[in-house]
Protein backbone atom coordinates (compact mmCIF):
# COMPACT_ATOMS: atom_id res chain seq x y z
CA UNK A 1 145.90 31.26 -52.00
CA UNK A 2 143.74 34.04 -50.67
CA UNK A 3 140.73 32.55 -52.45
CA UNK A 4 141.33 29.19 -50.74
CA UNK A 5 141.53 30.88 -47.36
CA UNK A 6 138.24 32.70 -48.01
CA UNK A 7 136.55 29.45 -48.96
CA UNK A 8 137.72 27.88 -45.70
CA UNK A 9 136.31 30.74 -43.63
CA UNK A 10 132.98 30.51 -45.46
CA UNK A 11 132.82 26.78 -44.88
CA UNK A 12 133.50 27.25 -41.20
CA UNK A 13 130.73 29.87 -40.99
CA UNK A 14 128.29 27.50 -42.71
CA UNK A 15 129.22 24.69 -40.35
CA UNK A 16 128.80 26.99 -37.32
CA UNK A 17 125.41 28.17 -38.52
CA UNK A 18 124.31 24.63 -39.08
CA UNK A 19 125.52 23.58 -35.64
CA UNK A 20 123.72 26.56 -34.06
CA UNK A 21 120.49 25.67 -35.84
CA UNK A 22 120.82 22.09 -34.74
CA UNK A 23 121.30 23.16 -31.14
CA UNK A 24 118.30 25.48 -31.30
CA UNK A 25 116.25 22.73 -32.90
CA UNK A 26 117.35 20.31 -30.18
CA UNK A 27 116.41 22.84 -27.51
CA UNK A 28 112.97 23.29 -29.09
CA UNK A 29 112.43 19.53 -29.20
CA UNK A 30 113.45 19.14 -25.57
CA UNK A 31 111.19 22.02 -24.53
CA UNK A 32 108.20 20.64 -26.39
CA UNK A 33 108.75 17.21 -24.87
CA UNK A 34 108.96 18.72 -21.41
CA UNK A 35 105.80 20.71 -22.06
CA UNK A 36 103.92 17.63 -23.20
CA UNK A 37 105.15 15.66 -20.22
CA UNK A 38 104.10 18.49 -17.89
CA UNK A 39 100.63 18.60 -19.44
CA UNK A 40 100.27 14.84 -19.11
CA UNK A 41 101.52 14.93 -15.53
CA UNK A 42 99.13 17.75 -14.69
CA UNK A 43 96.21 15.84 -16.19
CA UNK A 44 97.17 12.71 -14.26
CA UNK A 45 97.41 14.72 -11.06
CA UNK A 46 94.02 16.32 -11.63
CA UNK A 47 92.49 12.97 -12.50
CA UNK A 48 93.86 11.35 -9.37
CA UNK A 49 92.64 14.25 -7.24
CA UNK A 50 89.17 14.17 -8.79
CA UNK A 51 88.82 10.45 -8.11
CA UNK A 52 90.07 11.09 -4.59
CA UNK A 53 87.27 13.67 -4.20
CA UNK A 54 84.71 11.05 -5.26
CA UNK A 55 86.01 8.37 -2.87
CA UNK A 56 86.27 10.77 0.07
CA UNK A 57 82.79 12.13 -0.63
CA UNK A 58 81.29 8.64 -0.66
CA UNK A 59 82.91 7.86 2.70
CA UNK A 60 81.75 11.11 4.32
CA UNK A 61 78.18 10.77 3.07
CA UNK A 62 77.92 7.33 4.68
CA UNK A 63 78.78 8.97 8.00
CA UNK A 64 76.12 11.63 7.45
CA UNK A 65 73.53 8.97 6.58
CA UNK A 66 74.34 7.23 9.85
CA UNK A 67 73.86 10.50 11.73
CA UNK A 68 70.51 11.05 10.03
CA UNK A 69 69.39 7.57 11.03
CA UNK A 70 70.26 8.27 14.65
CA UNK A 71 68.30 11.53 14.42
CA UNK A 72 65.17 9.68 13.29
CA UNK A 73 65.33 10.69 9.60
CA UNK A 74 66.84 7.67 7.84
CA UNK A 75 67.58 7.78 4.13
CA UNK A 76 68.77 5.08 1.76
CA UNK A 77 72.59 4.89 1.85
CA UNK A 78 72.66 3.44 -1.66
CA UNK A 79 70.69 6.35 -3.10
CA UNK A 80 72.73 8.91 -1.13
CA UNK A 81 76.08 7.50 -2.25
CA UNK A 82 74.91 7.16 -5.86
CA UNK A 83 73.72 10.78 -6.04
CA UNK A 84 76.86 12.11 -4.33
CA UNK A 85 79.17 10.12 -6.62
CA UNK A 86 77.35 11.33 -9.74
CA UNK A 87 77.43 14.95 -8.57
CA UNK A 88 81.13 14.77 -7.62
CA UNK A 89 81.99 13.31 -11.01
CA UNK A 90 80.49 16.43 -12.55
CA UNK A 91 82.46 18.59 -10.09
CA UNK A 92 85.70 16.77 -10.96
CA UNK A 93 85.05 17.10 -14.67
CA UNK A 94 84.50 20.85 -14.39
CA UNK A 95 87.68 21.18 -12.33
CA UNK A 96 89.81 19.11 -14.73
CA UNK A 97 88.62 21.16 -17.70
CA UNK A 98 89.59 24.38 -15.94
CA UNK A 99 86.08 25.82 -16.00
CA UNK A 100 86.77 27.62 -12.74
CA UNK A 101 89.79 28.44 -10.61
CA UNK A 102 91.67 25.55 -9.00
CA UNK A 103 91.21 26.95 -5.50
CA UNK A 104 87.39 26.83 -5.75
CA UNK A 105 86.97 23.03 -5.68
CA UNK A 106 86.62 22.60 -1.85
CA UNK A 107 83.42 24.67 -1.84
CA UNK A 108 81.35 22.60 -4.33
CA UNK A 109 82.73 19.42 -2.75
CA UNK A 110 81.42 20.34 0.72
CA UNK A 111 78.16 21.60 -0.76
CA UNK A 112 77.59 18.29 -2.56
CA UNK A 113 78.49 16.03 0.35
CA UNK A 114 76.35 17.94 2.87
CA UNK A 115 73.48 18.99 0.62
CA UNK A 116 72.55 15.62 -0.89
CA UNK A 117 71.71 13.73 2.34
CA UNK A 118 69.88 16.76 3.73
CA UNK A 119 67.82 17.04 0.56
CA UNK A 120 66.92 13.35 0.67
CA UNK A 121 65.90 13.61 4.33
CA UNK A 122 63.70 16.60 3.56
CA UNK A 123 61.99 14.78 0.69
CA UNK A 124 61.25 11.67 2.73
CA UNK A 125 60.62 13.03 6.23
CA UNK A 126 60.05 16.77 5.73
CA UNK A 127 62.91 17.32 8.15
CA UNK A 128 66.37 18.89 8.12
CA UNK A 129 67.97 17.55 11.31
CA UNK A 130 70.35 19.82 13.22
CA UNK A 131 72.82 16.95 13.56
CA UNK A 132 73.84 17.60 9.93
CA UNK A 133 72.67 21.18 9.32
CA UNK A 134 74.58 22.82 12.15
CA UNK A 135 77.98 21.10 11.49
CA UNK A 136 77.64 22.26 7.89
CA UNK A 137 78.47 25.81 9.01
CA UNK A 138 82.03 25.11 10.22
CA UNK A 139 82.60 22.71 7.32
CA UNK A 140 81.63 25.35 4.76
CA UNK A 141 83.60 28.02 6.61
CA UNK A 142 86.70 25.81 6.41
CA UNK A 143 86.22 25.22 2.69
CA UNK A 144 85.80 28.93 2.01
CA UNK A 145 88.85 29.76 4.12
CA UNK A 146 90.97 27.27 2.15
CA UNK A 147 89.71 28.78 -1.09
CA UNK A 148 90.45 32.32 0.10
CA UNK A 149 93.98 31.46 1.23
CA UNK A 150 94.69 29.56 -2.00
CA UNK A 151 93.84 32.50 -4.21
CA UNK A 152 90.33 33.76 -3.58
CA UNK A 153 91.40 36.54 -1.27
CA UNK A 154 89.64 38.34 1.53
CA UNK A 155 86.83 39.49 -0.76
CA UNK A 156 85.68 35.89 -1.02
CA UNK A 157 85.17 35.64 2.74
CA UNK A 158 83.49 39.05 2.89
CA UNK A 159 81.02 38.05 0.20
CA UNK A 160 80.33 34.75 1.96
CA UNK A 161 79.55 36.50 5.24
CA UNK A 162 77.21 38.93 3.47
CA UNK A 163 75.50 36.03 1.72
CA UNK A 164 74.80 34.30 5.01
CA UNK A 165 73.16 37.42 6.42
CA UNK A 166 71.11 38.31 3.34
CA UNK A 167 70.06 34.88 2.04
CA UNK A 168 69.50 33.42 5.48
CA UNK A 169 67.83 36.60 6.72
CA UNK A 170 65.29 36.64 3.90
CA UNK A 171 64.33 33.05 4.62
CA UNK A 172 64.07 33.86 8.32
CA UNK A 173 61.59 36.65 7.58
CA UNK A 174 59.51 34.31 5.41
CA UNK A 175 59.55 31.74 8.20
CA UNK A 176 58.33 34.31 10.72
CA UNK A 177 55.54 35.49 8.43
CA UNK A 178 54.45 32.09 7.02
CA UNK A 179 55.80 29.35 9.29
CA UNK A 180 53.56 26.77 7.61
CA UNK A 181 55.31 27.34 4.28
CA UNK A 182 58.95 27.46 5.40
CA UNK A 183 60.39 25.56 8.34
CA UNK A 184 63.20 26.46 10.70
CA UNK A 185 65.41 23.79 9.12
CA UNK A 186 65.09 25.54 5.75
CA UNK A 187 66.28 28.77 7.37
CA UNK A 188 69.38 27.06 8.80
CA UNK A 189 70.15 25.43 5.48
CA UNK A 190 69.68 28.76 3.69
CA UNK A 191 72.44 30.25 5.84
CA UNK A 192 74.94 27.61 4.71
CA UNK A 193 73.96 27.96 1.07
CA UNK A 194 74.02 31.75 1.34
CA UNK A 195 77.73 31.59 2.16
CA UNK A 196 78.41 29.83 -1.16
CA UNK A 197 76.19 32.16 -3.15
CA UNK A 198 77.59 35.27 -1.49
CA UNK A 199 81.13 34.18 -2.36
CA UNK A 200 80.05 33.89 -6.00
CA UNK A 201 78.39 37.32 -6.09
CA UNK A 202 74.99 38.94 -5.73
CA UNK A 203 73.90 37.75 -9.16
CA UNK A 204 74.22 34.16 -7.95
CA UNK A 205 72.13 34.97 -4.86
CA UNK A 206 69.31 36.30 -7.03
CA UNK A 207 69.50 33.44 -9.53
CA UNK A 208 69.46 30.79 -6.80
CA UNK A 209 66.46 32.40 -5.10
CA UNK A 210 64.48 32.46 -8.35
CA UNK A 211 65.45 28.91 -9.34
CA UNK A 212 64.62 27.51 -5.89
CA UNK A 213 61.23 29.24 -5.86
CA UNK A 214 60.47 27.93 -9.34
CA UNK A 215 61.40 24.35 -8.48
CA UNK A 216 59.30 24.45 -5.31
CA UNK A 217 56.34 25.84 -7.28
CA UNK A 218 56.59 23.04 -9.82
CA UNK A 219 56.69 20.43 -7.06
CA UNK A 220 53.72 22.06 -5.31
CA UNK A 221 51.63 22.04 -8.50
CA UNK A 222 52.50 18.40 -9.09
CA UNK A 223 51.55 17.45 -5.55
CA UNK A 224 48.24 19.32 -5.86
CA UNK A 225 47.41 17.55 -9.13
CA UNK A 226 48.17 14.18 -7.58
CA UNK A 227 45.97 14.99 -4.56
CA UNK A 228 43.05 15.97 -6.80
CA UNK A 229 43.42 12.80 -8.86
CA UNK A 230 43.55 10.70 -5.68
CA UNK A 231 40.37 12.27 -4.32
CA UNK A 232 38.64 11.71 -7.65
CA UNK A 233 39.56 8.02 -7.63
CA UNK A 234 38.23 7.66 -4.08
CA UNK A 235 34.97 9.39 -4.98
CA UNK A 236 34.21 7.08 -7.93
CA UNK A 237 33.27 3.95 -5.86
CA UNK A 238 31.19 6.04 -3.43
CA UNK A 239 29.10 7.55 -6.26
CA UNK A 240 28.36 4.12 -7.74
CA UNK A 241 27.07 2.44 -4.53
CA UNK A 242 23.67 0.70 -4.73
CA UNK A 243 20.68 2.15 -2.86
CA UNK A 244 20.64 -0.83 -0.47
CA UNK A 245 23.75 0.57 1.20
CA UNK A 246 21.93 3.73 2.31
CA UNK A 247 20.52 2.32 5.60
CA UNK A 248 24.07 2.03 6.91
CA UNK A 249 24.23 5.82 7.00
CA UNK A 250 20.64 6.93 7.53
CA UNK A 251 19.56 3.91 9.57
CA UNK A 252 16.42 1.73 9.24
CA UNK A 253 14.17 -0.19 11.58
CA UNK A 254 14.41 -3.88 12.11
CA UNK A 255 11.24 -4.47 10.09
CA UNK A 256 12.69 -2.82 6.99
CA UNK A 257 10.73 0.47 7.28
CA UNK A 258 13.09 3.50 7.35
CA UNK A 259 13.06 5.53 10.54
CA UNK A 260 11.54 8.96 10.42
CA UNK A 261 13.35 12.09 11.46
CA UNK A 262 11.43 12.44 14.72
CA UNK A 263 11.78 8.86 15.89
CA UNK A 264 14.80 7.45 17.70
CA UNK A 265 17.19 5.50 15.59
CA UNK A 266 17.08 2.12 17.30
CA UNK A 267 18.35 -1.18 16.14
CA UNK A 268 18.55 -4.72 17.49
CA UNK A 269 22.11 -5.78 18.28
CA UNK A 270 23.44 -8.93 19.93
CA UNK A 271 24.58 -8.59 23.52
CA UNK A 272 28.00 -9.92 22.60
CA UNK A 273 28.46 -7.09 20.11
CA UNK A 274 27.28 -4.54 22.65
CA UNK A 275 29.70 -5.65 25.31
CA UNK A 276 32.62 -5.70 22.87
CA UNK A 277 32.53 -1.89 22.69
CA UNK A 278 30.99 -0.70 25.94
CA UNK A 279 32.27 -3.41 28.23
CA UNK A 280 28.87 -3.72 30.13
CA UNK A 281 25.17 -3.54 29.58
CA UNK A 282 22.78 -0.71 30.51
CA UNK A 283 22.42 -1.98 34.03
CA UNK A 284 26.16 -2.02 34.58
CA UNK A 285 26.66 -5.79 34.90
CA UNK A 286 28.73 -7.87 32.56
CA UNK A 287 26.84 -10.04 30.08
CA UNK A 288 27.14 -13.74 30.66
CA UNK A 289 27.28 -16.43 28.02
CA UNK A 290 23.85 -17.90 28.96
CA UNK A 291 21.76 -14.74 28.66
CA UNK A 292 19.68 -13.95 25.54
CA UNK A 293 21.38 -12.19 22.64
CA UNK A 294 18.47 -9.97 21.53
CA UNK A 295 19.10 -6.94 23.67
CA UNK A 296 17.63 -3.72 22.35
CA UNK A 297 20.22 -0.88 22.42
CA UNK A 298 20.26 2.61 20.90
CA UNK A 299 22.44 2.86 17.81
CA UNK A 300 24.36 5.77 19.34
CA UNK A 301 25.76 3.50 22.01
CA UNK A 302 27.18 1.20 19.38
CA UNK A 303 28.89 3.96 17.46
CA UNK A 304 32.65 3.72 17.75
CA UNK A 305 33.11 7.46 18.10
CA UNK A 306 31.22 7.97 21.30
CA UNK A 307 27.90 9.50 22.28
CA UNK A 308 26.64 7.97 25.58
CA UNK A 309 25.83 4.50 26.73
CA UNK A 310 22.34 3.33 27.53
CA UNK A 311 22.86 3.89 31.24
CA UNK A 312 23.66 7.59 30.76
CA UNK A 313 27.43 7.31 31.28
CA UNK A 314 29.58 8.85 28.54
CA UNK A 315 31.40 6.48 26.25
CA UNK A 316 35.12 5.96 26.60
CA UNK A 317 35.87 7.40 23.17
CA UNK A 318 34.93 11.02 22.61
CA UNK A 319 33.55 11.97 19.23
CA UNK A 320 35.71 14.18 17.05
CA UNK A 321 38.91 13.80 19.08
CA UNK A 322 40.44 10.87 17.29
CA UNK A 323 44.04 11.58 16.39
CA UNK A 324 45.05 11.63 12.70
CA UNK A 325 47.05 8.74 11.30
CA UNK A 326 50.77 8.98 11.93
CA UNK A 327 52.02 6.74 9.15
CA UNK A 328 52.69 9.36 6.49
CA UNK A 329 55.57 11.76 5.85
CA UNK A 330 54.00 14.25 8.31
CA UNK A 331 53.82 12.29 11.58
CA UNK A 332 53.61 15.00 14.21
CA UNK A 333 53.86 18.48 12.73
CA UNK A 334 51.53 20.22 10.37
CA UNK A 335 54.43 22.21 8.95
CA UNK A 336 55.98 19.04 7.57
CA UNK A 337 52.98 18.35 5.38
CA UNK A 338 53.88 21.17 2.99
CA UNK A 339 56.12 20.97 -0.03
CA UNK A 340 59.79 20.53 0.98
CA UNK A 341 61.84 23.59 0.04
CA UNK A 342 65.25 22.25 1.09
CA UNK A 343 65.93 20.14 -2.04
CA UNK A 344 65.16 23.10 -4.31
CA UNK A 345 67.59 25.28 -2.34
CA UNK A 346 70.33 22.65 -2.58
CA UNK A 347 69.87 22.14 -6.32
CA UNK A 348 69.86 25.87 -7.04
CA UNK A 349 73.00 26.54 -4.97
CA UNK A 350 74.80 23.52 -6.45
CA UNK A 351 74.10 24.69 -10.00
CA UNK A 352 75.45 28.15 -9.21
CA UNK A 353 78.58 26.72 -7.56
CA UNK A 354 79.43 24.17 -10.26
CA UNK A 355 78.37 26.29 -13.26
CA UNK A 356 79.30 29.84 -12.16
CA UNK A 357 78.88 32.87 -14.38
CA UNK A 358 81.63 35.01 -15.82
CA UNK A 359 81.19 37.74 -13.22
CA UNK A 360 81.39 35.41 -10.25
CA UNK A 361 85.12 35.86 -9.63
CA UNK A 362 85.93 32.13 -9.74
CA UNK A 363 85.90 31.78 -13.53
CA UNK A 364 89.32 32.46 -15.10
CA UNK A 365 89.23 35.32 -17.58
């Protein structure tokens, strides 16, 4: 009887243990399912937000392209949107993979959206218009403030302010010393980028400065090589000209005998050709259609760049004062004809912001 009672107690204990294990197993299953669902939901949320970044960036860059067009520095909207979308896809990928803190994403987003159209404008027009450069300051300040409130802390804002002063100040000094090498627009852009680099740390400031200088040097060497090759191609036809073309430069008499150094360089020209440049003959009257066409005029009066007319009056065009062509990328400032430094600054700052180092403070430990 006692043995039967003991067996019943043991059976109850076994059943209780089994029921407890089943409950614990059920709890583990439920927890793992909830964890997997949370991970999937988090990934979906990050994916939706990253695509939202791309769409919003494309819309904002179209507005900036329109502003650049109004400022006289138009860029291709297709190229601008394509570059911004590609860069924001990289930003979204880095954010989804958790390569840096979640609160950092507004900073590289603003940097990409503002920096790409400015870089394209600098490449094409050698200009960084204030209509985009100056509003970039409050936009970047807002992004850094959001990042600081979300988890970056006050040290993030302090580093950004120091970066503006140091990075922008160095470029300002270079602009004062060598204004032909660095424009005022580059200085303004350097202030915006210095805020990003200062928030990342002083190592990022140094790396960005070195990378930007290296990229600009490579572009300058490439431009110099292209200029030398272009001059060489232009010199080839001139060196292979026949000797019969020489009288066009040195001048020859009408009878074929070359003029000596002490004799006046005179040539026979039709009166119609003479009046097409000077507007009147040596006597001051206009040439009529019935007068002879063999009027003897000094060659200097027929030159398009000036000298004096046969009557002693100066020509309407003064020699050596013709304005340079205005159809290139440097229409009205000599400073624009140098190598653009803005794109190199944007690329260097973007690389530091999207691929920060371990000591930057935005990479999770």
